[in-house]
């Protein structure tokens, strides 16, 4: 999550380097590339994306989606 958050911030700062407008810039971009799924932000700046939990059971990866 830290990697994705950093990418969101850096992408927004490339578009508009004014840190006072960071939240507005993130909202205006709308969608960012995430590691497991795209990251979208709604009008309230909440992330809108599925959650994943990956475990290893009997030597096999199992992914659970929320």
C-alpha atoms as a PDB file:
ATOM      1  CA  UNK A   1       0.000   0.000   0.000  1.00  0.00           C
ATOM      2  CA  UNK A   2       2.868   2.376   0.704  1.00  0.00           C
ATOM      3  CA  UNK A   3       4.217   1.815  -2.815  1.00  0.00           C
ATOM      4  CA  UNK A   4       0.828   2.556  -4.365  1.00  0.00           C
ATOM      5  CA  UNK A   5       0.249   5.606  -2.168  1.00  0.00           C
ATOM      6  CA  UNK A   6       3.654   6.968  -3.168  1.00  0.00           C
ATOM      7  CA  UNK A   7       2.850   6.464  -6.847  1.00  0.00           C
ATOM      8  CA  UNK A   8      -0.472   8.276  -6.473  1.00  0.00           C
ATOM      9  CA  UNK A   9       1.221  11.240  -4.791  1.00  0.00           C
ATOM     10  CA  UNK A  10       4.100  11.410  -7.263  1.00  0.00           C
ATOM     11  CA  UNK A  11       1.768  11.172 -10.251  1.00  0.00           C
ATOM     12  CA  UNK A  12      -0.385  13.980  -8.875  1.00  0.00           C
ATOM     13  CA  UNK A  13       2.639  16.155  -8.089  1.00  0.00           C
ATOM     14  CA  UNK A  14       3.915  15.687 -11.655  1.00  0.00           C
ATOM     15  CA  UNK A  15       0.589  16.983 -12.954  1.00  0.00           C
ATOM     16  CA  UNK A  16       0.427  19.871 -10.472  1.00  0.00           C
ATOM     17  CA  UNK A  17       3.451  20.502  -8.192  1.00  0.00           C
ATOM     18  CA  UNK A  18       1.480  22.738  -5.799  1.00  0.00           C
ATOM     19  CA  UNK A  19       1.183  20.669  -2.573  1.00  0.00           C
ATOM     20  CA  UNK A  20      -1.773  22.789  -1.448  1.00  0.00           C
ATOM     21  CA  UNK A  21      -3.762  21.425  -4.395  1.00  0.00           C
ATOM     22  CA  UNK A  22      -2.654  17.789  -4.019  1.00  0.00           C
ATOM     23  CA  UNK A  23      -6.025  16.380  -2.899  1.00  0.00           C
ATOM     24  CA  UNK A  24      -7.890  18.203  -5.673  1.00  0.00           C
ATOM     25  CA  UNK A  25      -5.353  17.028  -8.254  1.00  0.00           C
ATOM     26  CA  UNK A  26      -5.664  13.398  -7.123  1.00  0.00           C
ATOM     27  CA  UNK A  27      -9.454  13.615  -7.444  1.00  0.00           C
ATOM     28  CA  UNK A  28      -9.206  15.220 -10.883  1.00  0.00           C
ATOM     29  CA  UNK A  29      -6.949  12.446 -12.223  1.00  0.00           C
ATOM     30  CA  UNK A  30      -9.496   9.860 -11.177  1.00  0.00           C
ATOM     31  CA  UNK A  31      -7.744   6.548 -11.840  1.00  0.00           C
ATOM     32  CA  UNK A  32      -4.247   5.315 -11.047  1.00  0.00           C
ATOM     33  CA  UNK A  33      -2.438   2.084 -11.822  1.00  0.00           C
ATOM     34  CA  UNK A  34      -2.312  -0.188  -8.779  1.00  0.00           C
ATOM     35  CA  UNK A  35      -0.402  -3.397  -8.216  1.00  0.00           C
ATOM     36  CA  UNK A  36      -3.505  -5.610  -8.138  1.00  0.00           C
ATOM     37  CA  UNK A  37      -6.218  -3.360  -9.549  1.00  0.00           C
ATOM     38  CA  UNK A  38      -6.748   0.217 -10.680  1.00  0.00           C
ATOM     39  CA  UNK A  39      -7.156   2.758  -7.895  1.00  0.00           C
ATOM     40  CA  UNK A  40     -10.026   5.197  -8.339  1.00  0.00           C
ATOM     41  CA  UNK A  41     -11.025   8.029  -6.060  1.00  0.00           C
ATOM     42  CA  UNK A  42     -14.592   9.241  -5.668  1.00  0.00           C
ATOM     43  CA  UNK A  43     -15.769  12.820  -5.051  1.00  0.00           C
ATOM     44  CA  UNK A  44     -15.083  12.361  -1.327  1.00  0.00           C
ATOM     45  CA  UNK A  45     -11.514  11.222  -2.124  1.00  0.00           C
ATOM     46  CA  UNK A  46     -12.197   7.702  -0.883  1.00  0.00           C
ATOM     47  CA  UNK A  47     -10.459   4.873  -2.721  1.00  0.00           C
ATOM     48  CA  UNK A  48     -12.858   2.738  -4.718  1.00  0.00           C
ATOM     49  CA  UNK A  49     -11.274  -0.628  -5.414  1.00  0.00           C
ATOM     50  CA  UNK A  50     -11.541  -4.258  -4.369  1.00  0.00           C
ATOM     51  CA  UNK A  51      -9.492  -5.595  -1.487  1.00  0.00           C
ATOM     52  CA  UNK A  52      -7.383  -8.724  -1.837  1.00  0.00           C
ATOM     53  CA  UNK A  53      -5.852 -11.018   0.726  1.00  0.00           C
ATOM     54  CA  UNK A  54      -3.377 -13.587  -0.544  1.00  0.00           C
ATOM     55  CA  UNK A  55      -2.332 -16.584   1.542  1.00  0.00           C
ATOM     56  CA  UNK A  56      -0.306 -19.712   0.923  1.00  0.00           C
ATOM     57  CA  UNK A  57      -2.083 -22.943   1.781  1.00  0.00           C
ATOM     58  CA  UNK A  58      -0.530 -26.326   1.048  1.00  0.00           C
ATOM     59  CA  UNK A  59       2.110 -24.622  -1.086  1.00  0.00           C
ATOM     60  CA  UNK A  60      -0.444 -22.841  -3.307  1.00  0.00           C
ATOM     61  CA  UNK A  61      -1.325 -19.174  -3.449  1.00  0.00           C
ATOM     62  CA  UNK A  62      -4.971 -18.430  -2.683  1.00  0.00           C
ATOM     63  CA  UNK A  63      -6.422 -14.998  -3.255  1.00  0.00           C
ATOM     64  CA  UNK A  64      -9.558 -13.855  -1.495  1.00  0.00           C
ATOM     65  CA  UNK A  65     -11.376 -10.841  -2.849  1.00  0.00           C
ATOM     66  CA  UNK A  66     -13.547  -8.573  -0.743  1.00  0.00           C
END
